[in-house]
Protein backbone atom coordinates (compact mmCIF):
# COMPACT_ATOMS: atom_id res chain seq x y z
CA UNK A 1 0.00 0.00 0.00
CA UNK A 2 1.23 3.49 -0.82
CA UNK A 3 0.81 5.64 2.25
CA UNK A 4 2.52 8.78 3.32
CA UNK A 5 2.81 9.81 6.97
CA UNK A 6 2.07 13.49 7.24
CA UNK A 7 1.02 16.13 9.74
CA UNK A 8 -2.48 17.48 9.27
CA UNK A 9 -4.43 20.12 11.14
CA UNK A 10 -7.92 19.06 12.24
CA UNK A 11 -10.00 21.56 14.23
CA UNK A 12 -6.86 23.41 15.20
CA UNK A 13 -5.10 20.26 16.45
CA UNK A 14 -1.99 18.99 14.69
CA UNK A 15 -2.05 15.21 14.15
CA UNK A 16 0.10 12.68 12.32
CA UNK A 17 -1.94 10.61 9.87
CA UNK A 18 -1.37 8.06 7.13
CA UNK A 19 -2.79 9.36 3.86
CA UNK A 20 -3.10 7.85 0.44
CA UNK A 21 -0.75 9.14 -2.21
CA UNK A 22 -2.65 10.28 -5.27
CA UNK A 23 -2.44 10.70 -8.98
CA UNK A 24 -4.41 13.53 -10.58
CA UNK A 25 -5.78 12.65 -13.99
CA UNK A 26 -6.61 15.60 -16.25
CA UNK A 27 -8.12 15.86 -19.70
CA UNK A 28 -5.85 18.02 -21.81
CA UNK A 29 -7.19 17.64 -25.36
CA UNK A 30 -8.61 21.20 -25.43
CA UNK A 31 -5.34 22.82 -24.32
CA UNK A 32 -3.34 20.66 -26.74
CA UNK A 33 -5.67 21.85 -29.52
CA UNK A 34 -4.66 25.41 -28.60
CA UNK A 35 -1.09 24.51 -29.55
CA UNK A 36 0.35 24.05 -26.06
CA UNK A 37 2.98 21.38 -25.43
CA UNK A 38 2.29 18.59 -22.90
CA UNK A 39 3.84 20.41 -19.96
CA UNK A 40 1.97 23.67 -20.53
CA UNK A 41 -1.26 21.78 -21.23
CA UNK A 42 -1.13 19.72 -18.05
CA UNK A 43 0.26 22.13 -15.46
CA UNK A 44 -2.89 24.19 -14.92
CA UNK A 45 -5.26 25.85 -14.31
CA UNK A 46 -7.35 23.31 -12.41
CA UNK A 47 -9.97 23.35 -9.67
CA UNK A 48 -8.04 21.24 -7.17
CA UNK A 49 -8.29 21.50 -3.40
CA UNK A 50 -5.16 22.91 -1.79
CA UNK A 51 -5.51 20.22 0.89
CA UNK A 52 -4.60 17.58 -1.71
CA UNK A 53 -1.22 19.11 -2.61
CA UNK A 54 0.88 17.11 -0.13
CA UNK A 55 -0.55 13.81 -1.40
CA UNK A 56 -0.36 14.33 -5.16
CA UNK A 57 2.58 12.38 -6.52
CA UNK A 58 1.86 12.62 -10.24
CA UNK A 59 -0.32 14.61 -12.63
CA UNK A 60 -1.25 12.57 -15.69
CA UNK A 61 -2.46 14.00 -19.02
CA UNK A 62 -5.26 12.24 -20.89
CA UNK A 63 -5.81 13.11 -24.56
CA UNK A 64 -8.96 11.53 -26.03
CA UNK A 65 -8.71 8.51 -23.72
CA UNK A 66 -4.95 8.01 -24.15
CA UNK A 67 -2.33 8.67 -21.49
CA UNK A 68 0.15 11.00 -23.15
CA UNK A 69 2.25 12.43 -20.32
CA UNK A 70 2.94 12.39 -16.59
CA UNK A 71 4.68 14.92 -14.37
CA UNK A 72 5.70 15.05 -10.73
CA UNK A 73 4.67 18.38 -9.17
CA UNK A 74 7.36 20.14 -7.15
CA UNK A 75 5.55 23.40 -6.40
CA UNK A 76 1.90 24.50 -6.49
CA UNK A 77 0.51 27.99 -6.90
CA UNK A 78 -2.98 29.46 -6.74
CA UNK A 79 -4.26 31.90 -9.34
CA UNK A 80 -7.54 33.78 -9.78
CA UNK A 81 -9.35 32.99 -13.00
CA UNK A 82 -12.88 34.20 -13.71
CA UNK A 83 -13.52 34.68 -9.99
CA UNK A 84 -12.34 31.18 -9.05
CA UNK A 85 -9.19 30.03 -7.30
CA UNK A 86 -7.45 27.61 -9.59
CA UNK A 87 -4.24 25.67 -9.12
CA UNK A 88 -1.22 25.10 -11.30
CA UNK A 89 2.09 23.39 -10.68
CA UNK A 90 5.72 23.49 -11.60
CA UNK A 91 7.27 20.09 -11.92
CA UNK A 92 9.40 17.56 -13.74
CA UNK A 93 8.60 14.69 -16.05
CA UNK A 94 7.70 11.49 -14.23
CA UNK A 95 10.06 8.54 -14.62
CA UNK A 96 9.49 6.53 -17.81
CA UNK A 97 8.59 3.48 -15.68
CA UNK A 98 5.63 5.35 -14.18
CA UNK A 99 4.35 6.41 -17.61
CA UNK A 100 4.71 2.84 -18.91
CA UNK A 101 2.86 1.44 -15.89
CA UNK A 102 0.03 3.93 -16.37
CA UNK A 103 -0.21 3.11 -20.08
CA UNK A 104 -0.51 -0.62 -19.32
CA UNK A 105 -3.62 0.23 -17.29
CA UNK A 106 -4.87 2.90 -19.67
CA UNK A 107 -8.30 1.39 -20.39
CA UNK A 108 -9.12 1.03 -16.67
CA UNK A 109 -7.89 4.56 -15.97
CA UNK A 110 -9.83 6.04 -18.91
CA UNK A 111 -13.06 4.58 -17.51
CA UNK A 112 -12.74 7.03 -14.61
CA UNK A 113 -13.69 9.86 -16.94
CA UNK A 114 -17.46 9.80 -17.05
CA UNK A 115 -19.11 13.20 -17.29
CA UNK A 116 -17.70 16.61 -18.01
CA UNK A 117 -15.25 17.13 -15.13
CA UNK A 118 -11.72 17.36 -16.57
CA UNK A 119 -10.08 16.30 -13.28
CA UNK A 120 -10.20 12.91 -11.54
CA UNK A 121 -8.20 11.37 -8.71
CA UNK A 122 -6.70 7.93 -8.36
CA UNK A 123 -4.73 6.65 -5.38
CA UNK A 124 -1.52 4.78 -6.05
CA UNK A 125 -3.05 1.91 -4.06
CA UNK A 126 -6.04 1.81 -6.46
CA UNK A 127 -3.64 1.81 -9.41
CA UNK A 128 -1.84 -1.24 -7.98
CA UNK A 129 -5.14 -3.10 -7.65
CA UNK A 130 -6.20 -2.52 -11.26
C-alpha atoms as a PDB file:
ATOM      1  CA  UNK A   1       0.000   0.000   0.000  1.00  0.00           C
ATOM      2  CA  UNK A   2       1.227   3.489  -0.823  1.00  0.00           C
ATOM      3  CA  UNK A   3       0.809   5.637   2.251  1.00  0.00           C
ATOM      4  CA  UNK A   4       2.524   8.778   3.324  1.00  0.00           C
ATOM      5  CA  UNK A   5       2.810   9.805   6.971  1.00  0.00           C
ATOM      6  CA  UNK A   6       2.068  13.495   7.241  1.00  0.00           C
ATOM      7  CA  UNK A   7       1.022  16.127   9.737  1.00  0.00           C
ATOM      8  CA  UNK A   8      -2.480  17.483   9.271  1.00  0.00           C
ATOM      9  CA  UNK A   9      -4.433  20.118  11.143  1.00  0.00           C
ATOM     10  CA  UNK A  10      -7.922  19.060  12.244  1.00  0.00           C
ATOM     11  CA  UNK A  11      -9.995  21.559  14.232  1.00  0.00           C
ATOM     12  CA  UNK A  12      -6.856  23.413  15.202  1.00  0.00           C
ATOM     13  CA  UNK A  13      -5.104  20.259  16.447  1.00  0.00           C
ATOM     14  CA  UNK A  14      -1.993  18.988  14.690  1.00  0.00           C
ATOM     15  CA  UNK A  15      -2.049  15.215  14.154  1.00  0.00           C
ATOM     16  CA  UNK A  16       0.098  12.678  12.319  1.00  0.00           C
ATOM     17  CA  UNK A  17      -1.940  10.612   9.868  1.00  0.00           C
ATOM     18  CA  UNK A  18      -1.368   8.060   7.131  1.00  0.00           C
ATOM     19  CA  UNK A  19      -2.790   9.364   3.862  1.00  0.00           C
ATOM     20  CA  UNK A  20      -3.096   7.849   0.436  1.00  0.00           C
ATOM     21  CA  UNK A  21      -0.754   9.143  -2.206  1.00  0.00           C
ATOM     22  CA  UNK A  22      -2.651  10.283  -5.266  1.00  0.00           C
ATOM     23  CA  UNK A  23      -2.444  10.698  -8.978  1.00  0.00           C
ATOM     24  CA  UNK A  24      -4.409  13.527 -10.576  1.00  0.00           C
ATOM     25  CA  UNK A  25      -5.776  12.648 -13.993  1.00  0.00           C
ATOM     26  CA  UNK A  26      -6.613  15.601 -16.246  1.00  0.00           C
ATOM     27  CA  UNK A  27      -8.123  15.860 -19.704  1.00  0.00           C
ATOM     28  CA  UNK A  28      -5.846  18.015 -21.812  1.00  0.00           C
ATOM     29  CA  UNK A  29      -7.186  17.644 -25.361  1.00  0.00           C
ATOM     30  CA  UNK A  30      -8.610  21.203 -25.426  1.00  0.00           C
ATOM     31  CA  UNK A  31      -5.344  22.819 -24.321  1.00  0.00           C
ATOM     32  CA  UNK A  32      -3.344  20.661 -26.744  1.00  0.00           C
ATOM     33  CA  UNK A  33      -5.674  21.846 -29.523  1.00  0.00           C
ATOM     34  CA  UNK A  34      -4.663  25.413 -28.598  1.00  0.00           C
ATOM     35  CA  UNK A  35      -1.089  24.508 -29.551  1.00  0.00           C
ATOM     36  CA  UNK A  36       0.351  24.046 -26.061  1.00  0.00           C
ATOM     37  CA  UNK A  37       2.980  21.377 -25.425  1.00  0.00           C
ATOM     38  CA  UNK A  38       2.290  18.593 -22.903  1.00  0.00           C
ATOM     39  CA  UNK A  39       3.837  20.414 -19.959  1.00  0.00           C
ATOM     40  CA  UNK A  40       1.971  23.672 -20.528  1.00  0.00           C
ATOM     41  CA  UNK A  41      -1.259  21.782 -21.232  1.00  0.00           C
ATOM     42  CA  UNK A  42      -1.134  19.719 -18.048  1.00  0.00           C
ATOM     43  CA  UNK A  43       0.261  22.128 -15.458  1.00  0.00           C
ATOM     44  CA  UNK A  44      -2.885  24.187 -14.924  1.00  0.00           C
ATOM     45  CA  UNK A  45      -5.265  25.853 -14.306  1.00  0.00           C
ATOM     46  CA  UNK A  46      -7.349  23.312 -12.410  1.00  0.00           C
ATOM     47  CA  UNK A  47      -9.966  23.355  -9.672  1.00  0.00           C
ATOM     48  CA  UNK A  48      -8.044  21.236  -7.167  1.00  0.00           C
ATOM     49  CA  UNK A  49      -8.289  21.500  -3.396  1.00  0.00           C
ATOM     50  CA  UNK A  50      -5.163  22.913  -1.795  1.00  0.00           C
ATOM     51  CA  UNK A  51      -5.511  20.224   0.891  1.00  0.00           C
ATOM     52  CA  UNK A  52      -4.599  17.581  -1.706  1.00  0.00           C
ATOM     53  CA  UNK A  53      -1.225  19.109  -2.612  1.00  0.00           C
ATOM     54  CA  UNK A  54       0.881  17.114  -0.131  1.00  0.00           C
ATOM     55  CA  UNK A  55      -0.554  13.815  -1.401  1.00  0.00           C
ATOM     56  CA  UNK A  56      -0.362  14.333  -5.158  1.00  0.00           C
ATOM     57  CA  UNK A  57       2.580  12.376  -6.517  1.00  0.00           C
ATOM     58  CA  UNK A  58       1.860  12.624 -10.239  1.00  0.00           C
ATOM     59  CA  UNK A  59      -0.316  14.613 -12.631  1.00  0.00           C
ATOM     60  CA  UNK A  60      -1.255  12.568 -15.694  1.00  0.00           C
ATOM     61  CA  UNK A  61      -2.460  14.001 -19.015  1.00  0.00           C
ATOM     62  CA  UNK A  62      -5.256  12.242 -20.886  1.00  0.00           C
ATOM     63  CA  UNK A  63      -5.809  13.108 -24.561  1.00  0.00           C
ATOM     64  CA  UNK A  64      -8.965  11.527 -26.029  1.00  0.00           C
ATOM     65  CA  UNK A  65      -8.713   8.509 -23.717  1.00  0.00           C
ATOM     66  CA  UNK A  66      -4.954   8.012 -24.154  1.00  0.00           C
ATOM     67  CA  UNK A  67      -2.329   8.671 -21.494  1.00  0.00           C
ATOM     68  CA  UNK A  68       0.148  11.001 -23.154  1.00  0.00           C
ATOM     69  CA  UNK A  69       2.254  12.430 -20.321  1.00  0.00           C
ATOM     70  CA  UNK A  70       2.939  12.387 -16.590  1.00  0.00           C
ATOM     71  CA  UNK A  71       4.678  14.915 -14.372  1.00  0.00           C
ATOM     72  CA  UNK A  72       5.700  15.047 -10.735  1.00  0.00           C
ATOM     73  CA  UNK A  73       4.666  18.377  -9.170  1.00  0.00           C
ATOM     74  CA  UNK A  74       7.356  20.139  -7.153  1.00  0.00           C
ATOM     75  CA  UNK A  75       5.554  23.399  -6.400  1.00  0.00           C
ATOM     76  CA  UNK A  76       1.904  24.500  -6.489  1.00  0.00           C
ATOM     77  CA  UNK A  77       0.505  27.985  -6.903  1.00  0.00           C
ATOM     78  CA  UNK A  78      -2.983  29.459  -6.738  1.00  0.00           C
ATOM     79  CA  UNK A  79      -4.261  31.903  -9.336  1.00  0.00           C
ATOM     80  CA  UNK A  80      -7.537  33.776  -9.782  1.00  0.00           C
ATOM     81  CA  UNK A  81      -9.346  32.995 -13.004  1.00  0.00           C
ATOM     82  CA  UNK A  82     -12.885  34.204 -13.713  1.00  0.00           C
ATOM     83  CA  UNK A  83     -13.515  34.682  -9.989  1.00  0.00           C
ATOM     84  CA  UNK A  84     -12.344  31.182  -9.045  1.00  0.00           C
ATOM     85  CA  UNK A  85      -9.186  30.034  -7.301  1.00  0.00           C
ATOM     86  CA  UNK A  86      -7.452  27.610  -9.592  1.00  0.00           C
ATOM     87  CA  UNK A  87      -4.237  25.665  -9.124  1.00  0.00           C
ATOM     88  CA  UNK A  88      -1.220  25.097 -11.296  1.00  0.00           C
ATOM     89  CA  UNK A  89       2.088  23.386 -10.679  1.00  0.00           C
ATOM     90  CA  UNK A  90       5.715  23.488 -11.601  1.00  0.00           C
ATOM     91  CA  UNK A  91       7.267  20.088 -11.924  1.00  0.00           C
ATOM     92  CA  UNK A  92       9.397  17.558 -13.739  1.00  0.00           C
ATOM     93  CA  UNK A  93       8.604  14.689 -16.046  1.00  0.00           C
ATOM     94  CA  UNK A  94       7.696  11.492 -14.230  1.00  0.00           C
ATOM     95  CA  UNK A  95      10.058   8.536 -14.622  1.00  0.00           C
ATOM     96  CA  UNK A  96       9.492   6.527 -17.807  1.00  0.00           C
ATOM     97  CA  UNK A  97       8.591   3.483 -15.684  1.00  0.00           C
ATOM     98  CA  UNK A  98       5.626   5.350 -14.185  1.00  0.00           C
ATOM     99  CA  UNK A  99       4.353   6.407 -17.605  1.00  0.00           C
ATOM    100  CA  UNK A 100       4.708   2.838 -18.908  1.00  0.00           C
ATOM    101  CA  UNK A 101       2.858   1.441 -15.891  1.00  0.00           C
ATOM    102  CA  UNK A 102       0.029   3.927 -16.371  1.00  0.00           C
ATOM    103  CA  UNK A 103      -0.206   3.113 -20.077  1.00  0.00           C
ATOM    104  CA  UNK A 104      -0.509  -0.619 -19.323  1.00  0.00           C
ATOM    105  CA  UNK A 105      -3.624   0.230 -17.290  1.00  0.00           C
ATOM    106  CA  UNK A 106      -4.875   2.904 -19.666  1.00  0.00           C
ATOM    107  CA  UNK A 107      -8.297   1.394 -20.391  1.00  0.00           C
ATOM    108  CA  UNK A 108      -9.118   1.029 -16.674  1.00  0.00           C
ATOM    109  CA  UNK A 109      -7.894   4.559 -15.970  1.00  0.00           C
ATOM    110  CA  UNK A 110      -9.834   6.044 -18.913  1.00  0.00           C
ATOM    111  CA  UNK A 111     -13.064   4.582 -17.509  1.00  0.00           C
ATOM    112  CA  UNK A 112     -12.738   7.029 -14.607  1.00  0.00           C
ATOM    113  CA  UNK A 113     -13.689   9.855 -16.944  1.00  0.00           C
ATOM    114  CA  UNK A 114     -17.465   9.803 -17.048  1.00  0.00           C
ATOM    115  CA  UNK A 115     -19.107  13.201 -17.288  1.00  0.00           C
ATOM    116  CA  UNK A 116     -17.703  16.610 -18.008  1.00  0.00           C
ATOM    117  CA  UNK A 117     -15.252  17.132 -15.129  1.00  0.00           C
ATOM    118  CA  UNK A 118     -11.725  17.362 -16.574  1.00  0.00           C
ATOM    119  CA  UNK A 119     -10.084  16.297 -13.276  1.00  0.00           C
ATOM    120  CA  UNK A 120     -10.200  12.910 -11.544  1.00  0.00           C
ATOM    121  CA  UNK A 121      -8.201  11.372  -8.707  1.00  0.00           C
ATOM    122  CA  UNK A 122      -6.696   7.929  -8.356  1.00  0.00           C
ATOM    123  CA  UNK A 123      -4.726   6.649  -5.378  1.00  0.00           C
ATOM    124  CA  UNK A 124      -1.516   4.776  -6.052  1.00  0.00           C
ATOM    125  CA  UNK A 125      -3.047   1.913  -4.062  1.00  0.00           C
ATOM    126  CA  UNK A 126      -6.037   1.807  -6.462  1.00  0.00           C
ATOM    127  CA  UNK A 127      -3.636   1.810  -9.405  1.00  0.00           C
ATOM    128  CA  UNK A 128      -1.838  -1.235  -7.979  1.00  0.00           C
ATOM    129  CA  UNK A 129      -5.144  -3.101  -7.645  1.00  0.00           C
ATOM    130  CA  UNK A 130      -6.199  -2.519 -11.263  1.00  0.00           C
END
